Amino acid sequence: MFKGLGGLGDMAGMMKKAQEMQKQMGALQEELHDMMVVGESGAGLVKATASAKGELKALDIDPSIFNGDDKEVVEDLILAAIKDAQTKASDKAQEEMAKLTDGLGLPADMKLPF
């Protein structure tokens, strides 16, 4: 059908792939809200649960760390757990995106803005 149009046949195929990928990305964005990761600090004394989109969902603190003298340590553990969860969320989102883009011939290290 596109034989006499040179590279336009390939363009039509690329457009179809792009539309397909756009649908898959939309579905993935929804899925990332439901995928959960858990960041930890203090050997599991503080756990932060976040969606793969990076939204903090829960915080679990072992009561043994509460001591008035250790306020700054507890604060540091909480921040470390949240940062760990955010890092894991970002990694999970990139991993899922890589699964989607594998068939497109994009460079493996290309990070899309999702």
C-alpha atoms as a PDB file:
ATOM      1  CA  MET A   1       0.000   0.000   0.000  1.00  0.00           C
ATOM      2  CA  PHE A   2       2.769   2.464   0.924  1.00  0.00           C
ATOM      3  CA  LYS A   3       5.294   0.981  -1.480  1.00  0.00           C
ATOM      4  CA  GLY A   4       5.604   4.050  -3.713  1.00  0.00           C
ATOM      5  CA  LEU A   5       5.839   6.484  -0.795  1.00  0.00           C
ATOM      6  CA  GLY A   6       9.385   5.669   0.265  1.00  0.00           C
ATOM      7  CA  GLY A   7       9.871   6.027   4.015  1.00  0.00           C
ATOM      8  CA  LEU A   8       6.285   7.073   4.692  1.00  0.00           C
ATOM      9  CA  GLY A   9       5.269   3.446   5.164  1.00  0.00           C
ATOM     10  CA  ASP A  10       7.719   3.256   8.032  1.00  0.00           C
ATOM     11  CA  MET A  11       6.344   6.551   9.347  1.00  0.00           C
ATOM     12  CA  ALA A  12       2.825   5.117   9.466  1.00  0.00           C
ATOM     13  CA  GLY A  13       4.138   2.136  11.416  1.00  0.00           C
ATOM     14  CA  MET A  14       5.982   4.414  13.798  1.00  0.00           C
ATOM     15  CA  MET A  15       2.862   6.504  14.351  1.00  0.00           C
ATOM     16  CA  LYS A  16       0.861   3.387  15.131  1.00  0.00           C
ATOM     17  CA  LYS A  17       3.536   2.256  17.614  1.00  0.00           C
ATOM     18  CA  ALA A  18       3.567   5.722  19.197  1.00  0.00           C
ATOM     19  CA  GLN A  19      -0.206   5.668  19.666  1.00  0.00           C
ATOM     20  CA  GLU A  20      -0.008   2.186  21.132  1.00  0.00           C
ATOM     21  CA  MET A  21       2.747   3.274  23.497  1.00  0.00           C
ATOM     22  CA  GLN A  22       0.742   6.329  24.547  1.00  0.00           C
ATOM     23  CA  LYS A  23      -2.157   4.083  25.578  1.00  0.00           C
ATOM     24  CA  GLN A  24       0.211   1.779  27.469  1.00  0.00           C
ATOM     25  CA  MET A  25       1.854   4.743  29.218  1.00  0.00           C
ATOM     26  CA  GLY A  26      -1.540   6.009  30.351  1.00  0.00           C
ATOM     27  CA  ALA A  27      -2.343   2.600  31.791  1.00  0.00           C
ATOM     28  CA  LEU A  28       1.094   2.416  33.426  1.00  0.00           C
ATOM     29  CA  GLN A  29       0.614   5.823  35.059  1.00  0.00           C
ATOM     30  CA  GLU A  30      -2.552   4.481  36.699  1.00  0.00           C
ATOM     31  CA  GLU A  31      -0.780   1.292  37.775  1.00  0.00           C
ATOM     32  CA  LEU A  32       2.083   3.257  39.358  1.00  0.00           C
ATOM     33  CA  HIS A  33      -0.420   4.765  41.809  1.00  0.00           C
ATOM     34  CA  ASP A  34      -1.251   1.255  43.033  1.00  0.00           C
ATOM     35  CA  MET A  35       2.297  -0.179  43.099  1.00  0.00           C
ATOM     36  CA  MET A  36       3.812   0.178  46.563  1.00  0.00           C
ATOM     37  CA  VAL A  37       7.426   0.236  47.725  1.00  0.00           C
ATOM     38  CA  VAL A  38       8.737   0.274  51.291  1.00  0.00           C
ATOM     39  CA  GLY A  39      11.767   2.281  52.364  1.00  0.00           C
ATOM     40  CA  GLU A  40      13.493   1.454  55.632  1.00  0.00           C
ATOM     41  CA  SER A  41      16.001   2.926  58.020  1.00  0.00           C
ATOM     42  CA  GLY A  42      17.441   1.946  61.374  1.00  0.00           C
ATOM     43  CA  ALA A  43      17.442  -1.750  60.428  1.00  0.00           C
ATOM     44  CA  GLY A  44      13.683  -1.643  59.886  1.00  0.00           C
ATOM     45  CA  LEU A  45      12.781   0.445  62.930  1.00  0.00           C
ATOM     46  CA  VAL A  46      11.247   3.055  60.626  1.00  0.00           C
ATOM     47  CA  LYS A  47       9.401   2.064  57.445  1.00  0.00           C
ATOM     48  CA  ALA A  48       7.910   4.432  54.889  1.00  0.00           C
ATOM     49  CA  THR A  49       5.483   3.097  52.292  1.00  0.00           C
ATOM     50  CA  ALA A  50       5.062   5.044  49.058  1.00  0.00           C
ATOM     51  CA  SER A  51       3.403   4.533  45.706  1.00  0.00           C
ATOM     52  CA  ALA A  52       5.686   4.017  42.724  1.00  0.00           C
ATOM     53  CA  LYS A  53       4.749   7.609  41.836  1.00  0.00           C
ATOM     54  CA  GLY A  54       6.550   8.688  45.034  1.00  0.00           C
ATOM     55  CA  GLU A  55       3.470   9.612  47.077  1.00  0.00           C
ATOM     56  CA  LEU A  56       3.979   8.767  50.761  1.00  0.00           C
ATOM     57  CA  LYS A  57       1.180   6.430  51.866  1.00  0.00           C
ATOM     58  CA  ALA A  58       2.159   5.170  55.325  1.00  0.00           C
ATOM     59  CA  LEU A  59       4.773   5.505  58.033  1.00  0.00           C
ATOM     60  CA  ASP A  60       5.487   2.714  60.544  1.00  0.00           C
ATOM     61  CA  ILE A  61       7.677   3.523  63.543  1.00  0.00           C
ATOM     62  CA  ASP A  62       8.764   0.921  66.061  1.00  0.00           C
ATOM     63  CA  PRO A  63       7.845   2.292  69.513  1.00  0.00           C
ATOM     64  CA  SER A  64      11.219   1.238  70.940  1.00  0.00           C
ATOM     65  CA  ILE A  65      12.894   4.262  69.334  1.00  0.00           C
ATOM     66  CA  PHE A  66      10.861   6.825  71.266  1.00  0.00           C
ATOM     67  CA  ASN A  67      13.023   8.393  73.911  1.00  0.00           C
ATOM     68  CA  GLY A  68      12.989  12.118  74.594  1.00  0.00           C
ATOM     69  CA  ASP A  69      16.768  12.304  74.366  1.00  0.00           C
ATOM     70  CA  ASP A  70      16.816  10.734  70.892  1.00  0.00           C
ATOM     71  CA  LYS A  71      14.456  13.166  69.142  1.00  0.00           C
ATOM     72  CA  GLU A  72      17.020  14.137  66.478  1.00  0.00           C
ATOM     73  CA  VAL A  73      17.949  10.514  65.819  1.00  0.00           C
ATOM     74  CA  VAL A  74      14.275   9.609  65.339  1.00  0.00           C
ATOM     75  CA  GLU A  75      13.801  12.541  62.959  1.00  0.00           C
ATOM     76  CA  ASP A  76      16.853  11.436  60.956  1.00  0.00           C
ATOM     77  CA  LEU A  77      15.547   7.856  60.783  1.00  0.00           C
ATOM     78  CA  ILE A  78      12.169   9.064  59.535  1.00  0.00           C
ATOM     79  CA  LEU A  79      13.766  11.223  56.843  1.00  0.00           C
ATOM     80  CA  ALA A  80      16.065   8.383  55.797  1.00  0.00           C
ATOM     81  CA  ALA A  81      13.134   5.959  55.469  1.00  0.00           C
ATOM     82  CA  ILE A  82      11.166   8.467  53.381  1.00  0.00           C
ATOM     83  CA  LYS A  83      14.157   9.130  51.108  1.00  0.00           C
ATOM     84  CA  ASP A  84      14.678   5.384  50.712  1.00  0.00           C
ATOM     85  CA  ALA A  85      11.016   4.927  49.746  1.00  0.00           C
ATOM     86  CA  GLN A  86      11.231   7.797  47.244  1.00  0.00           C
ATOM     87  CA  THR A  87      14.365   6.315  45.666  1.00  0.00           C
ATOM     88  CA  LYS A  88      12.731   2.901  45.409  1.00  0.00           C
ATOM     89  CA  ALA A  89       9.601   4.502  43.924  1.00  0.00           C
ATOM     90  CA  SER A  90      11.666   6.258  41.267  1.00  0.00           C
ATOM     91  CA  ASP A  91      13.568   3.062  40.479  1.00  0.00           C
ATOM     92  CA  LYS A  92      10.313   1.082  40.211  1.00  0.00           C
ATOM     93  CA  ALA A  93       8.761   3.674  37.893  1.00  0.00           C
ATOM     94  CA  GLN A  94      11.864   3.629  35.636  1.00  0.00           C
ATOM     95  CA  GLU A  95      11.881  -0.182  35.645  1.00  0.00           C
ATOM     96  CA  GLU A  96       8.227  -0.322  34.584  1.00  0.00           C
ATOM     97  CA  MET A  97       8.794   2.339  31.921  1.00  0.00           C
ATOM     98  CA  ALA A  98      11.768   0.393  30.552  1.00  0.00           C
ATOM     99  CA  LYS A  99       9.540  -2.660  30.114  1.00  0.00           C
ATOM    100  CA  LEU A 100       7.190  -0.522  28.029  1.00  0.00           C
ATOM    101  CA  THR A 101       9.846   1.113  25.849  1.00  0.00           C
ATOM    102  CA  ASP A 102      11.984  -1.976  25.155  1.00  0.00           C
ATOM    103  CA  GLY A 103      10.337  -2.649  21.809  1.00  0.00           C
ATOM    104  CA  LEU A 104      10.679   0.901  20.523  1.00  0.00           C
ATOM    105  CA  GLY A 105      14.399   0.891  19.908  1.00  0.00           C
ATOM    106  CA  LEU A 106      15.023   3.765  22.328  1.00  0.00           C
ATOM    107  CA  PRO A 107      18.390   3.878  24.134  1.00  0.00           C
ATOM    108  CA  ALA A 108      18.350   1.725  27.289  1.00  0.00           C
ATOM    109  CA  ASP A 109      19.521   4.616  29.479  1.00  0.00           C
ATOM    110  CA  MET A 110      16.927   7.086  28.173  1.00  0.00           C
ATOM    111  CA  LYS A 111      14.839   8.355  31.072  1.00  0.00           C
ATOM    112  CA  LEU A 112      11.392   9.534  30.158  1.00  0.00           C
ATOM    113  CA  PRO A 113       9.806  12.260  32.314  1.00  0.00           C
ATOM    114  CA  PHE A 114       7.430  10.009  34.213  1.00  0.00           C
END
